[in-house]
PDB file of all heavy atoms in Angstrom:
ATOM      1  N   LEU A   1       0.832  -1.187   0.002  1.00  0.00           N
ATOM      2  CA  LEU A   1       0.002   0.003  -0.003  1.00  0.00           C
ATOM      3  C   LEU A   1       0.867   1.244  -0.003  1.00  0.00           C
ATOM      4  O   LEU A   1       1.946   1.269   0.582  1.00  0.00           O
ATOM      5  CB  LEU A   1      -0.916   0.026   1.219  1.00  0.00           C
ATOM      6  CG  LEU A   1      -1.790  -1.218   1.447  1.00  0.00           C
ATOM      7  CD1 LEU A   1      -2.707  -0.974   2.648  1.00  0.00           C
ATOM      8  CD2 LEU A   1      -2.567  -1.596   0.215  1.00  0.00           C
ATOM      9  N   SER A   2       0.358   2.286  -0.646  1.00  0.00           N
ATOM     10  CA  SER A   2       1.052   3.563  -0.672  1.00  0.00           C
ATOM     11  C   SER A   2       0.142   4.678  -0.175  1.00  0.00           C
ATOM     12  O   SER A   2      -1.079   4.624  -0.400  1.00  0.00           O
ATOM     13  CB  SER A   2       1.505   3.899  -2.097  1.00  0.00           C
ATOM     14  OG  SER A   2       2.405   2.935  -2.590  1.00  0.00           O
ATOM     15  N   CYS A   3       0.724   5.657   0.475  1.00  0.00           N
ATOM     16  CA  CYS A   3      -0.024   6.813   0.945  1.00  0.00           C
ATOM     17  C   CYS A   3       0.765   8.045   0.544  1.00  0.00           C
ATOM     18  O   CYS A   3       1.907   8.242   0.993  1.00  0.00           O
ATOM     19  CB  CYS A   3      -0.183   6.747   2.454  1.00  0.00           C
ATOM     20  SG  CYS A   3      -0.761   8.316   3.195  1.00  0.00           S
ATOM     21  N   ALA A   4       0.167   8.864  -0.289  1.00  0.00           N
ATOM     22  CA  ALA A   4       0.794  10.118  -0.711  1.00  0.00           C
ATOM     23  C   ALA A   4       0.153  11.248   0.065  1.00  0.00           C
ATOM     24  O   ALA A   4      -1.064  11.369   0.108  1.00  0.00           O
ATOM     25  CB  ALA A   4       0.608  10.312  -2.201  1.00  0.00           C
ATOM     26  N   ALA A   5       1.001  12.070   0.671  1.00  0.00           N
ATOM     27  CA  ALA A   5       0.497  13.168   1.469  1.00  0.00           C
ATOM     28  C   ALA A   5       0.888  14.486   0.813  1.00  0.00           C
ATOM     29  O   ALA A   5       2.063  14.716   0.502  1.00  0.00           O
ATOM     30  CB  ALA A   5       1.076  13.106   2.873  1.00  0.00           C
ATOM     31  N   SER A   6      -0.082  15.320   0.600  1.00  0.00           N
ATOM     32  CA  SER A   6       0.182  16.653   0.060  1.00  0.00           C
ATOM     33  C   SER A   6      -0.224  17.700   1.108  1.00  0.00           C
ATOM     34  O   SER A   6      -1.091  17.446   1.932  1.00  0.00           O
ATOM     35  CB  SER A   6      -0.573  16.880  -1.244  1.00  0.00           C
ATOM     36  OG  SER A   6      -1.971  16.775  -1.031  1.00  0.00           O
ATOM     37  N   GLY A   7       0.376  18.859   1.001  1.00  0.00           N
ATOM     38  CA  GLY A   7       0.144  19.842   2.032  1.00  0.00           C
ATOM     39  C   GLY A   7       1.191  19.768   3.123  1.00  0.00           C
ATOM     40  O   GLY A   7       2.159  19.004   3.016  1.00  0.00           O
ATOM     41  N   THR A   8       1.011  20.491   4.179  1.00  0.00           N
ATOM     42  CA  THR A   8       1.997  20.546   5.233  1.00  0.00           C
ATOM     43  C   THR A   8       1.617  19.586   6.361  1.00  0.00           C
ATOM     44  O   THR A   8       0.614  19.802   7.048  1.00  0.00           O
ATOM     45  CB  THR A   8       2.099  21.974   5.785  1.00  0.00           C
ATOM     46  OG1 THR A   8       2.429  22.861   4.739  1.00  0.00           O
ATOM     47  CG2 THR A   8       3.166  22.027   6.870  1.00  0.00           C
ATOM     48  N   ILE A   9       2.387  18.518   6.509  1.00  0.00           N
ATOM     49  CA  ILE A   9       2.173  17.637   7.633  1.00  0.00           C
ATOM     50  C   ILE A   9       3.225  17.938   8.675  1.00  0.00           C
ATOM     51  O   ILE A   9       4.323  18.405   8.342  1.00  0.00           O
ATOM     52  CB  ILE A   9       2.207  16.155   7.224  1.00  0.00           C
ATOM     53  CG1 ILE A   9       3.582  15.778   6.647  1.00  0.00           C
ATOM     54  CG2 ILE A   9       1.113  15.858   6.215  1.00  0.00           C
ATOM     55  CD1 ILE A   9       3.709  14.294   6.396  1.00  0.00           C
ATOM     56  N   PHE A  10       2.916  17.631   9.902  1.00  0.00           N
ATOM     57  CA  PHE A  10       3.841  17.919  10.969  1.00  0.00           C
ATOM     58  C   PHE A  10       5.134  17.148  10.838  1.00  0.00           C
ATOM     59  O   PHE A  10       6.207  17.639  11.009  1.00  0.00           O
ATOM     60  CB  PHE A  10       3.179  17.689  12.303  1.00  0.00           C
ATOM     61  CG  PHE A  10       2.169  18.736  12.665  1.00  0.00           C
ATOM     62  CD1 PHE A  10       0.818  18.466  12.543  1.00  0.00           C
ATOM     63  CD2 PHE A  10       2.549  20.006  13.076  1.00  0.00           C
ATOM     64  CE1 PHE A  10      -0.126  19.436  12.842  1.00  0.00           C
ATOM     65  CE2 PHE A  10       1.624  20.968  13.382  1.00  0.00           C
ATOM     66  CZ  PHE A  10       0.271  20.688  13.258  1.00  0.00           C
ATOM     67  N   SER A  11       4.981  15.860  10.560  1.00  0.00           N
ATOM     68  CA  SER A  11       6.169  15.041  10.463  1.00  0.00           C
ATOM     69  C   SER A  11       5.804  13.717   9.804  1.00  0.00           C
ATOM     70  O   SER A  11       4.878  13.042  10.191  1.00  0.00           O
ATOM     71  CB  SER A  11       6.752  14.740  11.839  1.00  0.00           C
ATOM     72  OG  SER A  11       7.808  13.803  11.723  1.00  0.00           O
ATOM     73  N   ILE A  12       6.603  13.394   8.791  1.00  0.00           N
ATOM     74  CA  ILE A  12       6.417  12.085   8.135  1.00  0.00           C
ATOM     75  C   ILE A  12       6.801  10.971   9.095  1.00  0.00           C
ATOM     76  O   ILE A  12       6.434   9.825   8.891  1.00  0.00           O
ATOM     77  CB  ILE A  12       7.261  12.011   6.845  1.00  0.00           C
ATOM     78  CG1 ILE A  12       6.786  10.865   5.961  1.00  0.00           C
ATOM     79  CG2 ILE A  12       8.728  11.872   7.165  1.00  0.00           C
ATOM     80  CD1 ILE A  12       5.435  11.075   5.364  1.00  0.00           C
ATOM     81  N   ASN A  13       7.504  11.304  10.155  1.00  0.00           N
ATOM     82  CA  ASN A  13       7.939  10.308  11.108  1.00  0.00           C
ATOM     83  C   ASN A  13       6.868   9.945  12.139  1.00  0.00           C
ATOM     84  O   ASN A  13       7.102   9.113  13.002  1.00  0.00           O
ATOM     85  CB  ASN A  13       9.193  10.775  11.849  1.00  0.00           C
ATOM     86  CG  ASN A  13      10.362  10.908  10.924  1.00  0.00           C
ATOM     87  OD1 ASN A  13      10.486  10.172   9.961  1.00  0.00           O
ATOM     88  ND2 ASN A  13      11.247  11.851  11.181  1.00  0.00           N
ATOM     89  N   THR A  14       5.738  10.591  12.100  1.00  0.00           N
ATOM     90  CA  THR A  14       4.636  10.248  12.987  1.00  0.00           C
ATOM     91  C   THR A  14       3.397  10.006  12.164  1.00  0.00           C
ATOM     92  O   THR A  14       2.405  10.729  12.270  1.00  0.00           O
ATOM     93  CB  THR A  14       4.404  11.330  14.048  1.00  0.00           C
ATOM     94  OG1 THR A  14       4.255  12.587  13.389  1.00  0.00           O
ATOM     95  CG2 THR A  14       5.537  11.395  15.022  1.00  0.00           C
ATOM     96  N   MET A  15       3.505   9.043  11.289  1.00  0.00           N
ATOM     97  CA  MET A  15       2.384   8.644  10.455  1.00  0.00           C
ATOM     98  C   MET A  15       2.099   7.173  10.735  1.00  0.00           C
ATOM     99  O   MET A  15       2.980   6.413  11.154  1.00  0.00           O
ATOM    100  CB  MET A  15       2.718   8.836   8.974  1.00  0.00           C
ATOM    101  CG  MET A  15       2.863  10.318   8.564  1.00  0.00           C
ATOM    102  SD  MET A  15       1.294  11.196   8.559  1.00  0.00           S
ATOM    103  CE  MET A  15       0.504  10.494   7.123  1.00  0.00           C
ATOM    104  N   ALA A  16       0.870   6.790  10.442  1.00  0.00           N
ATOM    105  CA  ALA A  16       0.463   5.424  10.715  1.00  0.00           C
ATOM    106  C   ALA A  16      -0.525   4.928   9.671  1.00  0.00           C
ATOM    107  O   ALA A  16      -1.153   5.726   8.963  1.00  0.00           O
ATOM    108  CB  ALA A  16      -0.176   5.319  12.101  1.00  0.00           C
ATOM    109  N   TRP A  17      -0.623   3.631   9.589  1.00  0.00           N
ATOM    110  CA  TRP A  17      -1.674   2.979   8.818  1.00  0.00           C
ATOM    111  C   TRP A  17      -2.752   2.485   9.769  1.00  0.00           C
ATOM    112  O   TRP A  17      -2.444   1.898  10.810  1.00  0.00           O
ATOM    113  CB  TRP A  17      -1.117   1.815   7.996  1.00  0.00           C
ATOM    114  CG  TRP A  17      -0.379   2.251   6.778  1.00  0.00           C
ATOM    115  CD1 TRP A  17       0.958   2.452   6.637  1.00  0.00           C
ATOM    116  CD2 TRP A  17      -0.946   2.546   5.518  1.00  0.00           C
ATOM    117  NE1 TRP A  17       1.275   2.870   5.367  1.00  0.00           N
ATOM    118  CE2 TRP A  17       0.096   2.922   4.637  1.00  0.00           C
ATOM    119  CE3 TRP A  17      -2.247   2.524   5.015  1.00  0.00           C
ATOM    120  CZ2 TRP A  17      -0.108   3.266   3.301  1.00  0.00           C
ATOM    121  CZ3 TRP A  17      -2.470   2.867   3.680  1.00  0.00           C
ATOM    122  CH2 TRP A  17      -1.392   3.256   2.835  1.00  0.00           C
ATOM    123  N   TYR A  18      -3.982   2.717   9.382  1.00  0.00           N
ATOM    124  CA  TYR A  18      -5.138   2.247  10.110  1.00  0.00           C
ATOM    125  C   TYR A  18      -5.981   1.375   9.171  1.00  0.00           C
ATOM    126  O   TYR A  18      -5.878   1.467   7.976  1.00  0.00           O
ATOM    127  CB  TYR A  18      -5.991   3.451  10.544  1.00  0.00           C
ATOM    128  CG  TYR A  18      -5.259   4.457  11.407  1.00  0.00           C
ATOM    129  CD1 TYR A  18      -4.421   5.415  10.847  1.00  0.00           C
ATOM    130  CD2 TYR A  18      -5.425   4.484  12.783  1.00  0.00           C
ATOM    131  CE1 TYR A  18      -3.752   6.355  11.612  1.00  0.00           C
ATOM    132  CE2 TYR A  18      -4.777   5.412  13.577  1.00  0.00           C
ATOM    133  CZ  TYR A  18      -3.931   6.344  12.998  1.00  0.00           C
ATOM    134  OH  TYR A  18      -3.281   7.279  13.767  1.00  0.00           O
ATOM    135  N   ARG A  19      -6.845   0.590   9.789  1.00  0.00           N
ATOM    136  CA  ARG A  19      -7.765  -0.183   8.971  1.00  0.00           C
ATOM    137  C   ARG A  19      -9.125  -0.273   9.661  1.00  0.00           C
ATOM    138  O   ARG A  19      -9.209  -0.210  10.896  1.00  0.00           O
ATOM    139  CB  ARG A  19      -7.233  -1.573   8.642  1.00  0.00           C
ATOM    140  CG  ARG A  19      -7.168  -2.512   9.851  1.00  0.00           C
ATOM    141  CD  ARG A  19      -6.529  -3.833   9.440  1.00  0.00           C
ATOM    142  NE  ARG A  19      -6.438  -4.789  10.534  1.00  0.00           N
ATOM    143  CZ  ARG A  19      -5.777  -5.942  10.486  1.00  0.00           C
ATOM    144  NH1 ARG A  19      -5.151  -6.316   9.372  1.00  0.00           N
ATOM    145  NH2 ARG A  19      -5.750  -6.748  11.533  1.00  0.00           N
ATOM    146  N   GLN A  20     -10.140  -0.471   8.853  1.00  0.00           N
ATOM    147  CA  GLN A  20     -11.486  -0.625   9.411  1.00  0.00           C
ATOM    148  C   GLN A  20     -12.191  -1.713   8.631  1.00  0.00           C
ATOM    149  O   GLN A  20     -12.412  -1.607   7.409  1.00  0.00           O
ATOM    150  CB  GLN A  20     -12.283   0.673   9.345  1.00  0.00           C
ATOM    151  CG  GLN A  20     -13.607   0.582  10.028  1.00  0.00           C
ATOM    152  CD  GLN A  20     -14.254   1.947  10.194  1.00  0.00           C
ATOM    153  OE1 GLN A  20     -13.959   2.898   9.477  1.00  0.00           O
ATOM    154  NE2 GLN A  20     -15.168   2.059  11.172  1.00  0.00           N
ATOM    155  N   ALA A  21     -12.539  -2.753   9.335  1.00  0.00           N
ATOM    156  CA  ALA A  21     -13.289  -3.853   8.735  1.00  0.00           C
ATOM    157  C   ALA A  21     -14.780  -3.603   8.944  1.00  0.00           C
ATOM    158  O   ALA A  21     -15.161  -2.866   9.867  1.00  0.00           O
ATOM    159  CB  ALA A  21     -12.882  -5.191   9.392  1.00  0.00           C
ATOM    160  N   PRO A  22     -15.639  -4.176   8.112  1.00  0.00           N
ATOM    161  CA  PRO A  22     -17.087  -3.981   8.246  1.00  0.00           C
ATOM    162  C   PRO A  22     -17.571  -4.334   9.654  1.00  0.00           C
ATOM    163  O   PRO A  22     -17.260  -5.397  10.177  1.00  0.00           O
ATOM    164  CB  PRO A  22     -17.680  -4.915   7.195  1.00  0.00           C
ATOM    165  CG  PRO A  22     -16.595  -5.041   6.182  1.00  0.00           C
ATOM    166  CD  PRO A  22     -15.307  -5.015   6.956  1.00  0.00           C
ATOM    167  N   GLY A  23     -18.298  -3.398  10.256  1.00  0.00           N
ATOM    168  CA  GLY A  23     -18.859  -3.643  11.557  1.00  0.00           C
ATOM    169  C   GLY A  23     -17.894  -3.501  12.715  1.00  0.00           C
ATOM    170  O   GLY A  23     -18.243  -3.760  13.866  1.00  0.00           O
ATOM    171  N   LYS A  24     -16.645  -3.080  12.410  1.00  0.00           N
ATOM    172  CA  LYS A  24     -15.647  -2.931  13.468  1.00  0.00           C
ATOM    173  C   LYS A  24     -15.118  -1.504  13.520  1.00  0.00           C
ATOM    174  O   LYS A  24     -15.252  -0.744  12.581  1.00  0.00           O
ATOM    175  CB  LYS A  24     -14.491  -3.924  13.232  1.00  0.00           C
ATOM    176  CG  LYS A  24     -14.897  -5.386  13.349  1.00  0.00           C
ATOM    177  CD  LYS A  24     -13.656  -6.279  13.275  1.00  0.00           C
ATOM    178  CE  LYS A  24     -14.028  -7.735  13.440  1.00  0.00           C
ATOM    179  NZ  LYS A  24     -12.849  -8.626  13.390  1.00  0.00           N
ATOM    180  N   GLN A  25     -14.511  -1.189  14.640  1.00  0.00           N
ATOM    181  CA  GLN A  25     -13.926   0.133  14.790  1.00  0.00           C
ATOM    182  C   GLN A  25     -12.600   0.230  14.016  1.00  0.00           C
ATOM    183  O   GLN A  25     -11.916  -0.774  13.823  1.00  0.00           O
ATOM    184  CB  GLN A  25     -13.678   0.434  16.275  1.00  0.00           C
ATOM    185  CG  GLN A  25     -14.943   0.721  17.068  1.00  0.00           C
ATOM    186  CD  GLN A  25     -14.648   1.217  18.456  1.00  0.00           C
ATOM    187  OE1 GLN A  25     -13.615   0.931  19.037  1.00  0.00           O
ATOM    188  NE2 GLN A  25     -15.553   2.001  19.009  1.00  0.00           N
ATOM    189  N   ARG A  26     -12.263   1.417  13.628  1.00  0.00           N
ATOM    190  CA  ARG A  26     -10.977   1.641  12.980  1.00  0.00           C
ATOM    191  C   ARG A  26      -9.856   1.376  13.995  1.00  0.00           C
ATOM    192  O   ARG A  26      -9.959   1.790  15.146  1.00  0.00           O
ATOM    193  CB  ARG A  26     -10.908   3.060  12.444  1.00  0.00           C
ATOM    194  CG  ARG A  26      -9.749   3.358  11.521  1.00  0.00           C
ATOM    195  CD  ARG A  26      -9.915   4.726  10.924  1.00  0.00           C
ATOM    196  NE  ARG A  26     -11.021   4.770   9.984  1.00  0.00           N
ATOM    197  CZ  ARG A  26     -11.522   5.906   9.459  1.00  0.00           C
ATOM    198  NH1 ARG A  26     -10.981   7.071   9.817  1.00  0.00           N
ATOM    199  NH2 ARG A  26     -12.509   5.850   8.635  1.00  0.00           N
ATOM    200  N   GLU A  27      -8.794   0.708  13.541  1.00  0.00           N
ATOM    201  CA  GLU A  27      -7.705   0.385  14.424  1.00  0.00           C
ATOM    202  C   GLU A  27      -6.375   0.759  13.747  1.00  0.00           C
ATOM    203  O   GLU A  27      -6.228   0.702  12.524  1.00  0.00           O
ATOM    204  CB  GLU A  27      -7.675  -1.106  14.773  1.00  0.00           C
ATOM    205  CG  GLU A  27      -7.525  -2.036  13.581  1.00  0.00           C
ATOM    206  CD  GLU A  27      -7.319  -3.487  13.956  1.00  0.00           C
ATOM    207  OE1 GLU A  27      -6.974  -3.761  15.119  1.00  0.00           O
ATOM    208  OE2 GLU A  27      -7.464  -4.344  13.062  1.00  0.00           O
ATOM    209  N   GLN A  28      -5.400   1.102  14.577  1.00  0.00           N
ATOM    210  CA  GLN A  28      -4.067   1.372  14.070  1.00  0.00           C
ATOM    211  C   GLN A  28      -3.331   0.038  13.936  1.00  0.00           C
ATOM    212  O   GLN A  28      -3.311  -0.747  14.859  1.00  0.00           O
ATOM    213  CB  GLN A  28      -3.323   2.300  15.030  1.00  0.00           C
ATOM    214  CG  GLN A  28      -1.914   2.661  14.606  1.00  0.00           C
ATOM    215  CD  GLN A  28      -1.243   3.580  15.594  1.00  0.00           C
ATOM    216  OE1 GLN A  28      -1.687   4.675  15.854  1.00  0.00           O
ATOM    217  NE2 GLN A  28      -0.158   3.124  16.195  1.00  0.00           N
ATOM    218  N   VAL A  29      -2.719  -0.165  12.779  1.00  0.00           N
ATOM    219  CA  VAL A  29      -2.011  -1.439  12.580  1.00  0.00           C
ATOM    220  C   VAL A  29      -0.504  -1.277  12.485  1.00  0.00           C
ATOM    221  O   VAL A  29       0.244  -2.178  12.814  1.00  0.00           O
ATOM    222  CB  VAL A  29      -2.517  -2.174  11.326  1.00  0.00           C
ATOM    223  CG1 VAL A  29      -3.965  -2.587  11.497  1.00  0.00           C
ATOM    224  CG2 VAL A  29      -2.372  -1.342  10.069  1.00  0.00           C
ATOM    225  N   ALA A  30      -0.029  -0.113  12.026  1.00  0.00           N
ATOM    226  CA  ALA A  30       1.418   0.080  11.908  1.00  0.00           C
ATOM    227  C   ALA A  30       1.719   1.555  12.011  1.00  0.00           C
ATOM    228  O   ALA A  30       0.959   2.383  11.492  1.00  0.00           O
ATOM    229  CB  ALA A  30       1.912  -0.461  10.580  1.00  0.00           C
ATOM    230  N   ALA A  31       2.826   1.907  12.658  1.00  0.00           N
ATOM    231  CA  ALA A  31       3.132   3.293  12.874  1.00  0.00           C
ATOM    232  C   ALA A  31       4.635   3.557  12.750  1.00  0.00           C
ATOM    233  O   ALA A  31       5.449   2.721  13.103  1.00  0.00           O
ATOM    234  CB  ALA A  31       2.649   3.728  14.264  1.00  0.00           C
ATOM    235  N   LEU A  32       4.937   4.741  12.276  1.00  0.00           N
ATOM    236  CA  LEU A  32       6.290   5.253  12.308  1.00  0.00           C
ATOM    237  C   LEU A  32       6.433   6.089  13.558  1.00  0.00           C
ATOM    238  O   LEU A  32       5.626   7.002  13.829  1.00  0.00           O
ATOM    239  CB  LEU A  32       6.560   6.127  11.093  1.00  0.00           C
ATOM    240  CG  LEU A  32       6.563   5.427   9.737  1.00  0.00           C
ATOM    241  CD1 LEU A  32       6.531   6.462   8.607  1.00  0.00           C
ATOM    242  CD2 LEU A  32       7.782   4.528   9.609  1.00  0.00           C
ATOM    243  N   ILE A  33       7.446   5.776  14.364  1.00  0.00           N
ATOM    244  CA  ILE A  33       7.636   6.459  15.644  1.00  0.00           C
ATOM    245  C   ILE A  33       9.030   7.078  15.634  1.00  0.00           C
ATOM    246  O   ILE A  33      10.017   6.377  15.582  1.00  0.00           O
ATOM    247  CB  ILE A  33       7.522   5.473  16.819  1.00  0.00           C
ATOM    248  CG1 ILE A  33       6.203   4.718  16.771  1.00  0.00           C
ATOM    249  CG2 ILE A  33       7.697   6.216  18.136  1.00  0.00           C
ATOM    250  CD1 ILE A  33       4.987   5.560  16.959  1.00  0.00           C
ATOM    251  N   GLY A  34       9.059   8.396  15.643  1.00  0.00           N
ATOM    252  CA  GLY A  34      10.347   9.076  15.712  1.00  0.00           C
ATOM    253  C   GLY A  34      11.136   8.860  14.443  1.00  0.00           C
ATOM    254  O   GLY A  34      10.576   8.629  13.356  1.00  0.00           O
ATOM    255  N   GLY A  35      12.450   8.913  14.546  1.00  0.00           N
ATOM    256  CA  GLY A  35      13.298   8.841  13.357  1.00  0.00           C
ATOM    257  C   GLY A  35      13.342   7.499  12.697  1.00  0.00           C
ATOM    258  O   GLY A  35      13.282   7.398  11.474  1.00  0.00           O
ATOM    259  N   HIS A  36      13.457   6.446  13.484  1.00  0.00           N
ATOM    260  CA  HIS A  36      13.606   5.119  12.897  1.00  0.00           C
ATOM    261  C   HIS A  36      12.719   4.058  13.528  1.00  0.00           C
ATOM    262  O   HIS A  36      12.807   2.895  13.160  1.00  0.00           O
ATOM    263  CB  HIS A  36      15.067   4.666  13.015  1.00  0.00           C
ATOM    264  CG  HIS A  36      16.031   5.606  12.322  1.00  0.00           C
ATOM    265  ND1 HIS A  36      16.184   5.617  10.940  1.00  0.00           N
ATOM    266  CD2 HIS A  36      16.861   6.550  12.788  1.00  0.00           C
ATOM    267  CE1 HIS A  36      17.082   6.546  10.626  1.00  0.00           C
ATOM    268  NE2 HIS A  36      17.499   7.119  11.727  1.00  0.00           N
TER     269      HIS A  36
END
């Protein structure tokens, strides 16, 4: 999967992927934390 961000974001290092299955709440599945 790819995510292209346009505009001014605070930091590419604090971005995450979320997912939502039918009938379920959205959940965070993977995150970038800090530099590495």
